[in-house]
Amino acid sequence: MENLEGNKLIVKIQRDLAKSGIVKDNLVKDLKELRNFALAEQDPTLTKVIRLTYEHIEQTGTFSIPIPADEAVVEGEEPETMDMEDFDNKRESLNYLLSLMLDRKNPTNRQDLEEYRDMLKDF
């Protein structure tokens, strides 16, 4: 995110996540506020990822999307996946998503944001 206040909000969300875990109401409120910064920056991918993230959390009460795979999957092999029943994995994945938002111009981060978007849409 380019906006300093937006970045401060991301860091605040990450601190709250580390301290208290996934607290649905607070997280959704903060993500809705963060979305306004993405709208102002006219970044449709980031805006959509944030919206899909808070809608997912509103519906499920948690974050059940794994961190995108680092490597391409070889045809016929099963990709390694995180155990999304594990609370720490949920928090780690959400924290990783938030960190991508801090440097969304990085091509690798951008690709991971797009993968999160696709997984959130398919959930």
N, C-alpha and C. Protein backbone atom coordinates (compact mmCIF):
# COMPACT_ATOMS: atom_id res chain seq x y z
N MET A 1 0.85 -1.16 0.00
CA MET A 1 0.00 0.00 0.00
C MET A 1 0.90 1.23 0.00
N GLU A 2 0.51 2.24 -0.72
CA GLU A 2 1.31 3.45 -0.82
C GLU A 2 0.96 4.45 0.27
N ASN A 3 -0.25 4.43 0.76
CA ASN A 3 -0.70 5.38 1.77
C ASN A 3 -0.13 5.01 3.13
N LEU A 4 0.51 5.98 3.78
CA LEU A 4 1.14 5.74 5.07
C LEU A 4 0.12 5.30 6.12
N GLU A 5 -1.04 5.93 6.12
CA GLU A 5 -2.08 5.55 7.10
C GLU A 5 -2.60 4.13 6.83
N GLY A 6 -2.69 3.76 5.56
CA GLY A 6 -3.08 2.40 5.21
C GLY A 6 -2.06 1.39 5.70
N ASN A 7 -0.77 1.72 5.54
CA ASN A 7 0.29 0.83 6.02
C ASN A 7 0.26 0.72 7.55
N LYS A 8 0.01 1.83 8.22
CA LYS A 8 -0.10 1.79 9.68
C LYS A 8 -1.25 0.89 10.12
N LEU A 9 -2.35 0.94 9.38
CA LEU A 9 -3.49 0.09 9.70
C LEU A 9 -3.15 -1.38 9.49
N ILE A 10 -2.43 -1.70 8.43
CA ILE A 10 -2.02 -3.09 8.19
C ILE A 10 -1.15 -3.58 9.34
N VAL A 11 -0.20 -2.77 9.76
CA VAL A 11 0.68 -3.15 10.87
C VAL A 11 -0.13 -3.32 12.15
N LYS A 12 -1.11 -2.45 12.38
CA LYS A 12 -1.98 -2.58 13.56
C LYS A 12 -2.75 -3.90 13.52
N ILE A 13 -3.29 -4.23 12.35
CA ILE A 13 -4.03 -5.49 12.19
C ILE A 13 -3.10 -6.67 12.48
N GLN A 14 -1.87 -6.61 11.97
CA GLN A 14 -0.91 -7.69 12.21
C GLN A 14 -0.59 -7.82 13.70
N ARG A 15 -0.41 -6.69 14.38
CA ARG A 15 -0.14 -6.73 15.83
C ARG A 15 -1.32 -7.34 16.58
N ASP A 16 -2.53 -6.90 16.23
CA ASP A 16 -3.73 -7.45 16.88
C ASP A 16 -3.86 -8.94 16.62
N LEU A 17 -3.54 -9.35 15.42
CA LEU A 17 -3.60 -10.76 15.04
C LEU A 17 -2.61 -11.58 15.86
N ALA A 18 -1.40 -11.05 16.03
CA ALA A 18 -0.38 -11.76 16.82
C ALA A 18 -0.76 -11.82 18.30
N LYS A 19 -1.37 -10.76 18.77
CA LYS A 19 -1.72 -10.67 20.19
C LYS A 19 -2.99 -11.44 20.54
N SER A 20 -4.03 -11.26 19.76
CA SER A 20 -5.34 -11.79 20.12
C SER A 20 -5.86 -12.88 19.19
N GLY A 21 -5.18 -13.12 18.07
CA GLY A 21 -5.67 -14.09 17.12
C GLY A 21 -6.74 -13.47 16.22
N ILE A 22 -7.53 -14.32 15.62
CA ILE A 22 -8.56 -13.87 14.68
C ILE A 22 -9.82 -13.52 15.47
N VAL A 23 -10.00 -12.21 15.70
CA VAL A 23 -11.18 -11.70 16.39
C VAL A 23 -12.07 -11.11 15.30
N LYS A 24 -13.10 -11.86 14.96
CA LYS A 24 -13.93 -11.58 13.78
C LYS A 24 -14.37 -10.12 13.68
N ASP A 25 -15.04 -9.60 14.70
CA ASP A 25 -15.62 -8.25 14.60
C ASP A 25 -14.56 -7.18 14.40
N ASN A 26 -13.48 -7.24 15.17
CA ASN A 26 -12.42 -6.24 15.04
C ASN A 26 -11.73 -6.33 13.69
N LEU A 27 -11.47 -7.55 13.27
CA LEU A 27 -10.78 -7.78 12.01
C LEU A 27 -11.60 -7.29 10.83
N VAL A 28 -12.86 -7.61 10.81
CA VAL A 28 -13.75 -7.18 9.72
C VAL A 28 -13.83 -5.66 9.68
N LYS A 29 -13.96 -5.03 10.83
CA LYS A 29 -14.04 -3.56 10.90
C LYS A 29 -12.76 -2.94 10.33
N ASP A 30 -11.62 -3.45 10.76
CA ASP A 30 -10.34 -2.91 10.29
C ASP A 30 -10.14 -3.15 8.79
N LEU A 31 -10.52 -4.31 8.30
CA LEU A 31 -10.37 -4.61 6.88
C LEU A 31 -11.29 -3.72 6.03
N LYS A 32 -12.48 -3.44 6.53
CA LYS A 32 -13.38 -2.53 5.79
C LYS A 32 -12.77 -1.13 5.71
N GLU A 33 -12.14 -0.71 6.80
CA GLU A 33 -11.46 0.58 6.79
C GLU A 33 -10.26 0.56 5.83
N LEU A 34 -9.52 -0.53 5.83
CA LEU A 34 -8.37 -0.68 4.94
C LEU A 34 -8.80 -0.65 3.47
N ARG A 35 -9.94 -1.22 3.19
CA ARG A 35 -10.44 -1.25 1.80
C ARG A 35 -10.60 0.16 1.24
N ASN A 36 -10.98 1.11 2.09
CA ASN A 36 -11.13 2.50 1.64
C ASN A 36 -9.81 3.06 1.12
N PHE A 37 -8.69 2.69 1.75
CA PHE A 37 -7.39 3.13 1.27
C PHE A 37 -7.08 2.51 -0.10
N ALA A 38 -7.40 1.24 -0.27
CA ALA A 38 -7.17 0.58 -1.56
C ALA A 38 -8.04 1.21 -2.65
N LEU A 39 -9.27 1.55 -2.31
CA LEU A 39 -10.14 2.24 -3.27
C LEU A 39 -9.54 3.57 -3.69
N ALA A 40 -9.03 4.32 -2.72
CA ALA A 40 -8.43 5.63 -3.01
C ALA A 40 -7.19 5.48 -3.90
N GLU A 41 -6.47 4.39 -3.74
CA GLU A 41 -5.28 4.15 -4.56
C GLU A 41 -5.63 3.54 -5.92
N GLN A 42 -6.90 3.27 -6.13
CA GLN A 42 -7.41 2.72 -7.39
C GLN A 42 -6.68 1.44 -7.79
N ASP A 43 -6.63 0.53 -6.82
CA ASP A 43 -6.01 -0.79 -7.06
C ASP A 43 -7.12 -1.83 -6.97
N PRO A 44 -7.71 -2.22 -8.11
CA PRO A 44 -8.85 -3.13 -8.07
C PRO A 44 -8.53 -4.51 -7.49
N THR A 45 -7.33 -5.02 -7.72
CA THR A 45 -6.98 -6.34 -7.19
C THR A 45 -6.91 -6.29 -5.67
N LEU A 46 -6.19 -5.32 -5.14
CA LEU A 46 -6.08 -5.19 -3.69
C LEU A 46 -7.44 -4.93 -3.06
N THR A 47 -8.23 -4.07 -3.68
CA THR A 47 -9.56 -3.77 -3.17
C THR A 47 -10.41 -5.03 -3.09
N LYS A 48 -10.35 -5.84 -4.13
CA LYS A 48 -11.14 -7.07 -4.16
C LYS A 48 -10.64 -8.09 -3.14
N VAL A 49 -9.32 -8.23 -3.02
CA VAL A 49 -8.76 -9.17 -2.04
C VAL A 49 -9.21 -8.79 -0.63
N ILE A 50 -9.16 -7.52 -0.32
CA ILE A 50 -9.57 -7.08 1.01
C ILE A 50 -11.05 -7.37 1.23
N ARG A 51 -11.89 -7.05 0.23
CA ARG A 51 -13.33 -7.30 0.38
C ARG A 51 -13.62 -8.79 0.53
N LEU A 52 -13.01 -9.60 -0.32
CA LEU A 52 -13.24 -11.04 -0.23
C LEU A 52 -12.73 -11.60 1.10
N THR A 53 -11.65 -11.03 1.63
CA THR A 53 -11.11 -11.48 2.90
C THR A 53 -12.08 -11.20 4.03
N TYR A 54 -12.59 -9.97 4.11
CA TYR A 54 -13.51 -9.69 5.23
C TYR A 54 -14.85 -10.40 5.04
N GLU A 55 -15.29 -10.59 3.82
CA GLU A 55 -16.53 -11.37 3.61
C GLU A 55 -16.31 -12.83 4.04
N HIS A 56 -15.16 -13.39 3.72
CA HIS A 56 -14.82 -14.76 4.12
C HIS A 56 -14.82 -14.88 5.65
N ILE A 57 -14.20 -13.92 6.31
CA ILE A 57 -14.13 -13.95 7.77
C ILE A 57 -15.53 -13.76 8.37
N GLU A 58 -16.34 -12.89 7.78
CA GLU A 58 -17.71 -12.71 8.26
C GLU A 58 -18.50 -14.01 8.17
N GLN A 59 -18.33 -14.73 7.06
CA GLN A 59 -19.09 -15.97 6.84
C GLN A 59 -18.59 -17.13 7.68
N THR A 60 -17.27 -17.25 7.81
CA THR A 60 -16.71 -18.44 8.47
C THR A 60 -16.28 -18.20 9.91
N GLY A 61 -16.08 -16.93 10.27
CA GLY A 61 -15.60 -16.61 11.61
C GLY A 61 -14.11 -16.83 11.77
N THR A 62 -13.43 -17.19 10.69
CA THR A 62 -11.99 -17.44 10.72
C THR A 62 -11.41 -17.18 9.34
N PHE A 63 -10.16 -17.58 9.11
CA PHE A 63 -9.53 -17.44 7.81
C PHE A 63 -9.01 -18.80 7.38
N SER A 64 -9.65 -19.38 6.39
CA SER A 64 -9.38 -20.78 6.01
C SER A 64 -8.68 -20.91 4.67
N ILE A 65 -7.95 -19.89 4.26
CA ILE A 65 -7.27 -19.91 2.96
C ILE A 65 -5.78 -20.14 3.21
N PRO A 66 -5.19 -21.17 2.60
CA PRO A 66 -3.77 -21.45 2.83
C PRO A 66 -2.86 -20.48 2.08
N ILE A 67 -1.62 -20.41 2.53
CA ILE A 67 -0.61 -19.62 1.82
C ILE A 67 -0.41 -20.25 0.44
N PRO A 68 -0.36 -19.45 -0.62
CA PRO A 68 -0.14 -20.01 -1.96
C PRO A 68 1.15 -20.83 -2.02
N ALA A 69 1.12 -21.87 -2.83
CA ALA A 69 2.29 -22.75 -2.99
C ALA A 69 3.45 -21.98 -3.61
N ASP A 70 4.66 -22.30 -3.17
CA ASP A 70 5.86 -21.65 -3.70
C ASP A 70 6.23 -22.17 -5.08
N GLU A 71 5.96 -23.44 -5.31
CA GLU A 71 6.42 -24.07 -6.53
C GLU A 71 5.25 -24.51 -7.38
N ALA A 72 5.51 -24.59 -8.66
CA ALA A 72 4.49 -25.10 -9.57
C ALA A 72 4.24 -26.57 -9.26
N VAL A 73 3.01 -26.97 -9.38
CA VAL A 73 2.63 -28.35 -9.11
C VAL A 73 2.90 -29.19 -10.35
N VAL A 74 3.60 -30.30 -10.18
CA VAL A 74 3.86 -31.22 -11.27
C VAL A 74 2.58 -32.00 -11.54
N GLU A 75 2.24 -32.15 -12.81
CA GLU A 75 1.02 -32.87 -13.17
C GLU A 75 1.02 -34.26 -12.54
N GLY A 76 -0.08 -34.62 -11.92
CA GLY A 76 -0.23 -35.93 -11.30
C GLY A 76 0.18 -35.95 -9.84
N GLU A 77 0.84 -34.91 -9.36
CA GLU A 77 1.23 -34.84 -7.95
C GLU A 77 0.26 -33.94 -7.20
N GLU A 78 0.07 -34.26 -5.95
CA GLU A 78 -0.77 -33.43 -5.09
C GLU A 78 0.08 -32.29 -4.53
N PRO A 79 -0.44 -31.06 -4.56
CA PRO A 79 0.33 -29.96 -3.99
C PRO A 79 0.35 -30.07 -2.46
N GLU A 80 1.45 -29.59 -1.86
CA GLU A 80 1.50 -29.56 -0.40
C GLU A 80 0.54 -28.49 0.07
N THR A 81 -0.22 -28.81 1.10
CA THR A 81 -1.16 -27.84 1.63
C THR A 81 -0.97 -27.72 3.13
N MET A 82 -1.38 -26.56 3.64
CA MET A 82 -1.34 -26.34 5.08
C MET A 82 -2.56 -26.99 5.71
N ASP A 83 -2.42 -27.42 6.94
CA ASP A 83 -3.56 -27.92 7.69
C ASP A 83 -4.34 -26.71 8.18
N MET A 84 -5.41 -26.37 7.47
CA MET A 84 -6.15 -25.16 7.80
C MET A 84 -7.10 -25.35 8.98
N GLU A 85 -7.06 -26.50 9.60
CA GLU A 85 -7.77 -26.70 10.86
C GLU A 85 -6.94 -26.17 12.02
N ASP A 86 -5.64 -26.01 11.79
CA ASP A 86 -4.70 -25.55 12.81
C ASP A 86 -4.81 -24.03 12.92
N PHE A 87 -5.11 -23.55 14.13
CA PHE A 87 -5.31 -22.13 14.37
C PHE A 87 -4.07 -21.32 13.96
N ASP A 88 -2.87 -21.80 14.29
CA ASP A 88 -1.65 -21.05 13.97
C ASP A 88 -1.47 -20.92 12.46
N ASN A 89 -1.86 -21.93 11.69
CA ASN A 89 -1.76 -21.84 10.24
C ASN A 89 -2.71 -20.80 9.68
N LYS A 90 -3.89 -20.69 10.26
CA LYS A 90 -4.85 -19.67 9.82
C LYS A 90 -4.29 -18.28 10.07
N ARG A 91 -3.74 -18.10 11.25
CA ARG A 91 -3.18 -16.80 11.61
C ARG A 91 -1.95 -16.50 10.74
N GLU A 92 -1.11 -17.49 10.50
CA GLU A 92 0.09 -17.31 9.68
C GLU A 92 -0.29 -16.94 8.25
N SER A 93 -1.30 -17.58 7.70
CA SER A 93 -1.73 -17.30 6.34
C SER A 93 -2.30 -15.88 6.23
N LEU A 94 -3.13 -15.49 7.18
CA LEU A 94 -3.70 -14.14 7.16
C LEU A 94 -2.59 -13.10 7.35
N ASN A 95 -1.65 -13.36 8.22
CA ASN A 95 -0.54 -12.43 8.42
C ASN A 95 0.29 -12.30 7.14
N TYR A 96 0.50 -13.41 6.45
CA TYR A 96 1.24 -13.37 5.19
C TYR A 96 0.48 -12.53 4.16
N LEU A 97 -0.82 -12.72 4.07
CA LEU A 97 -1.63 -11.93 3.14
C LEU A 97 -1.48 -10.44 3.45
N LEU A 98 -1.54 -10.08 4.71
CA LEU A 98 -1.39 -8.68 5.10
C LEU A 98 -0.01 -8.14 4.72
N SER A 99 1.02 -8.96 4.90
CA SER A 99 2.38 -8.51 4.56
C SER A 99 2.51 -8.28 3.05
N LEU A 100 1.80 -9.06 2.25
CA LEU A 100 1.81 -8.84 0.80
C LEU A 100 1.25 -7.46 0.45
N MET A 101 0.26 -7.03 1.21
CA MET A 101 -0.37 -5.75 0.95
C MET A 101 0.58 -4.58 1.21
N LEU A 102 1.54 -4.77 2.09
CA LEU A 102 2.50 -3.70 2.39
C LEU A 102 3.42 -3.41 1.20
N ASP A 103 3.68 -4.42 0.39
CA ASP A 103 4.57 -4.25 -0.77
C ASP A 103 3.93 -4.92 -1.98
N ARG A 104 2.78 -4.42 -2.36
CA ARG A 104 2.01 -5.07 -3.41
C ARG A 104 2.59 -4.85 -4.80
N LYS A 105 3.51 -3.92 -4.97
CA LYS A 105 4.10 -3.66 -6.29
C LYS A 105 5.15 -4.71 -6.66
N ASN A 106 5.67 -5.42 -5.67
CA ASN A 106 6.63 -6.49 -5.92
C ASN A 106 5.92 -7.56 -6.76
N PRO A 107 6.50 -7.96 -7.90
CA PRO A 107 5.82 -8.91 -8.79
C PRO A 107 5.44 -10.24 -8.12
N THR A 108 6.31 -10.74 -7.26
CA THR A 108 6.01 -12.00 -6.57
C THR A 108 4.84 -11.81 -5.61
N ASN A 109 4.86 -10.71 -4.89
CA ASN A 109 3.76 -10.41 -3.97
C ASN A 109 2.46 -10.23 -4.73
N ARG A 110 2.54 -9.56 -5.85
CA ARG A 110 1.34 -9.34 -6.68
C ARG A 110 0.75 -10.67 -7.13
N GLN A 111 1.62 -11.58 -7.54
CA GLN A 111 1.15 -12.90 -7.97
C GLN A 111 0.47 -13.63 -6.81
N ASP A 112 1.06 -13.58 -5.62
CA ASP A 112 0.45 -14.23 -4.46
C ASP A 112 -0.88 -13.58 -4.10
N LEU A 113 -0.97 -12.24 -4.21
CA LEU A 113 -2.25 -11.57 -3.96
C LEU A 113 -3.32 -12.07 -4.92
N GLU A 114 -2.94 -12.24 -6.18
CA GLU A 114 -3.89 -12.75 -7.18
C GLU A 114 -4.30 -14.18 -6.87
N GLU A 115 -3.36 -14.99 -6.35
CA GLU A 115 -3.70 -16.36 -5.97
C GLU A 115 -4.66 -16.37 -4.78
N TYR A 116 -4.40 -15.50 -3.80
CA TYR A 116 -5.34 -15.39 -2.68
C TYR A 116 -6.73 -14.99 -3.18
N ARG A 117 -6.75 -14.00 -4.10
CA ARG A 117 -8.04 -13.56 -4.66
C ARG A 117 -8.78 -14.73 -5.28
N ASP A 118 -8.08 -15.53 -6.07
CA ASP A 118 -8.72 -16.66 -6.75
C ASP A 118 -9.20 -17.71 -5.74
N MET A 119 -8.38 -18.00 -4.73
CA MET A 119 -8.80 -18.98 -3.73
C MET A 119 -9.99 -18.47 -2.91
N LEU A 120 -9.99 -17.20 -2.61
CA LEU A 120 -11.13 -16.63 -1.86
C LEU A 120 -12.41 -16.68 -2.70
N LYS A 121 -12.29 -16.40 -3.99
CA LYS A 121 -13.46 -16.46 -4.87
C LYS A 121 -13.99 -17.89 -4.97
N ASP A 122 -13.08 -18.88 -4.97
CA ASP A 122 -13.47 -20.27 -5.13
C ASP A 122 -13.95 -20.92 -3.84
N PHE A 123 -13.73 -20.28 -2.71
CA PHE A 123 -14.06 -20.90 -1.43
C PHE A 123 -15.54 -21.12 -1.27
